[in-house]
Protein backbone atom coordinates (compact mmCIF):
# COMPACT_ATOMS: atom_id res chain seq x y z
CA UNK A 1 0.00 0.00 0.00
CA UNK A 2 1.27 3.41 -0.71
CA UNK A 3 1.41 6.28 1.68
CA UNK A 4 -1.61 8.08 0.11
CA UNK A 5 -3.89 5.10 0.58
CA UNK A 6 -2.88 4.76 4.23
CA UNK A 7 -3.48 8.36 5.10
CA UNK A 8 -7.11 8.84 4.14
CA UNK A 9 -8.51 11.90 5.78
CA UNK A 10 -11.07 11.38 8.56
CA UNK A 11 -13.54 13.52 6.61
CA UNK A 12 -13.27 11.09 3.67
CA UNK A 13 -13.88 8.12 5.99
CA UNK A 14 -17.02 9.75 7.39
CA UNK A 15 -18.23 10.52 3.86
CA UNK A 16 -17.65 6.91 2.74
CA UNK A 17 -19.41 5.56 5.84
CA UNK A 18 -22.40 7.80 5.18
CA UNK A 19 -22.61 6.85 1.48
CA UNK A 20 -22.05 3.11 1.97
CA UNK A 21 -24.35 2.69 4.96
CA UNK A 22 -27.89 1.47 4.38
CA UNK A 23 -30.70 2.91 6.45
CA UNK A 24 -33.58 0.47 6.79
CA UNK A 25 -36.99 2.08 6.80
CA UNK A 26 -38.83 1.77 10.09
CA UNK A 27 -41.21 -1.20 9.99
CA UNK A 28 -44.77 -0.89 11.18
CA UNK A 29 -45.48 -2.40 14.57
CA UNK A 30 -47.29 -5.75 14.47
CA UNK A 31 -48.77 -5.47 17.94
CA UNK A 32 -52.14 -4.01 16.96
CA UNK A 33 -52.54 -6.36 13.99
CA UNK A 34 -51.67 -9.41 16.09
CA UNK A 35 -54.13 -8.41 18.80
CA UNK A 36 -56.87 -7.96 16.20
CA UNK A 37 -56.06 -11.35 14.64
CA UNK A 38 -56.07 -12.96 18.08
CA UNK A 39 -59.46 -11.46 18.89
CA UNK A 40 -60.99 -12.50 15.57
CA UNK A 41 -59.55 -15.99 15.27
CA UNK A 42 -58.50 -17.43 18.59
CA UNK A 43 -60.82 -15.81 21.12
CA UNK A 44 -63.98 -16.37 19.10
CA UNK A 45 -63.16 -20.04 18.47
CA UNK A 46 -62.07 -20.52 22.09
CA UNK A 47 -65.34 -19.16 23.48
CA UNK A 48 -67.38 -21.41 21.17
CA UNK A 49 -65.29 -24.47 21.97
CA UNK A 50 -65.41 -23.70 25.70
CA UNK A 51 -69.21 -23.58 25.61
CA UNK A 52 -69.32 -26.87 23.71
CA UNK A 53 -66.85 -28.48 26.15
CA UNK A 54 -68.91 -27.41 29.16
CA UNK A 55 -72.05 -28.93 27.65
CA UNK A 56 -70.12 -32.06 26.65
CA UNK A 57 -68.96 -32.59 30.24
CA UNK A 58 -72.46 -31.91 31.54
CA UNK A 59 -74.36 -34.21 29.15
CA UNK A 60 -72.00 -37.06 28.23
CA UNK A 61 -71.69 -39.81 30.88
CA UNK A 62 -68.49 -39.64 32.96
CA UNK A 63 -67.35 -43.11 31.84
CA UNK A 64 -66.43 -41.58 28.46
CA UNK A 65 -64.34 -38.71 29.82
CA UNK A 66 -61.12 -40.79 29.90
CA UNK A 67 -61.75 -42.26 26.46
CA UNK A 68 -62.83 -39.20 24.44
CA UNK A 69 -61.22 -35.91 23.44
CA UNK A 70 -62.71 -32.98 21.58
CA UNK A 71 -60.44 -32.93 18.56
CA UNK A 72 -61.55 -30.01 16.41
CA UNK A 73 -64.39 -27.60 15.75
CA UNK A 74 -64.73 -26.10 12.29
CA UNK A 75 -67.75 -24.69 10.48
CA UNK A 76 -70.22 -26.03 13.00
CA UNK A 77 -68.82 -29.56 12.99
CA UNK A 78 -67.33 -30.99 16.17
CA UNK A 79 -64.90 -33.88 15.76
CA UNK A 80 -64.48 -36.14 18.77
CA UNK A 81 -61.60 -38.61 19.01
CA UNK A 82 -62.33 -41.88 20.80
CA UNK A 83 -59.50 -44.20 21.86
CA UNK A 84 -61.09 -47.65 21.41
CA UNK A 85 -63.58 -49.27 19.07
CA UNK A 86 -65.83 -50.38 21.91
CA UNK A 87 -66.10 -46.89 23.35
CA UNK A 88 -66.62 -45.50 19.85
CA UNK A 89 -69.54 -47.89 19.34
CA UNK A 90 -71.07 -47.10 22.75
CA UNK A 91 -70.78 -43.35 22.23
CA UNK A 92 -72.24 -43.58 18.73
CA UNK A 93 -75.21 -45.51 20.12
CA UNK A 94 -75.71 -42.89 22.83
CA UNK A 95 -75.60 -40.10 20.26
CA UNK A 96 -78.15 -41.88 18.07
CA UNK A 97 -80.40 -42.49 21.11
CA UNK A 98 -80.87 -38.76 21.63
CA UNK A 99 -77.68 -37.42 23.17
CA UNK A 100 -76.73 -35.76 19.88
CA UNK A 101 -80.02 -33.84 19.79
CA UNK A 102 -79.47 -32.70 23.38
CA UNK A 103 -75.93 -31.52 22.59
CA UNK A 104 -77.01 -29.75 19.40
CA UNK A 105 -79.78 -27.97 21.27
CA UNK A 106 -77.54 -27.02 24.21
CA UNK A 107 -74.78 -25.77 21.89
CA UNK A 108 -76.98 -24.00 19.38
CA UNK A 109 -75.63 -20.59 20.43
CA UNK A 110 -72.08 -21.82 19.65
CA UNK A 111 -73.18 -22.84 16.15
CA UNK A 112 -72.85 -26.61 16.61
CA UNK A 113 -74.61 -28.47 13.78
CA UNK A 114 -72.88 -31.84 13.55
CA UNK A 115 -70.90 -34.25 15.74
CA UNK A 116 -68.46 -36.64 14.07
CA UNK A 117 -66.68 -39.43 15.89
CA UNK A 118 -63.34 -40.82 14.79
CA UNK A 119 -61.01 -43.41 16.25
CA UNK A 120 -57.65 -42.29 17.50
CA UNK A 121 -55.40 -41.73 20.49
CA UNK A 122 -54.27 -38.39 21.80
CA UNK A 123 -51.96 -39.78 24.48
CA UNK A 124 -48.89 -42.00 24.96
CA UNK A 125 -49.01 -45.26 26.90
CA UNK A 126 -51.66 -47.87 27.53
CA UNK A 127 -52.79 -47.31 31.11
CA UNK A 128 -54.96 -44.53 32.52
CA UNK A 129 -51.92 -43.08 34.32
CA UNK A 130 -50.08 -42.76 30.99
CA UNK A 131 -52.78 -40.68 29.32
CA UNK A 132 -51.18 -37.38 28.55
CA UNK A 133 -51.49 -35.14 25.55
CA UNK A 134 -49.49 -36.19 22.50
CA UNK A 135 -48.24 -33.56 20.06
CA UNK A 136 -47.18 -34.28 16.50
CA UNK A 137 -43.43 -34.32 16.09
CA UNK A 138 -41.08 -34.47 13.15
CA UNK A 139 -39.36 -37.64 14.42
């Protein structure tokens, strides 16, 4: 390097720093938008599902509480997961015997129109003590 290149004036360094630097424009805050999304999506669905869950606990016999889980609620259709074929059959018979009409009437304000049962397990293990929530994982 020659002597001229080594002795760049401080004013030139400041000018280069100003020209070469990139100022990012200030981004809009997401807080208000996220709160609005939360109110529209999560809170509304949570209040409907909470009302349905309260009526489910009140109307469905307690023997099914360990064997059933409210899986999803979309467009007025409640999907209930049942862990064994025998409990699925028993619950389906109860629903056909009039329990479904009672639940639909009790949950009319939440928009419940249909109850679908499906087999499946939402927990790990085989015993009642092992029944804990299972989340989908990549492994």
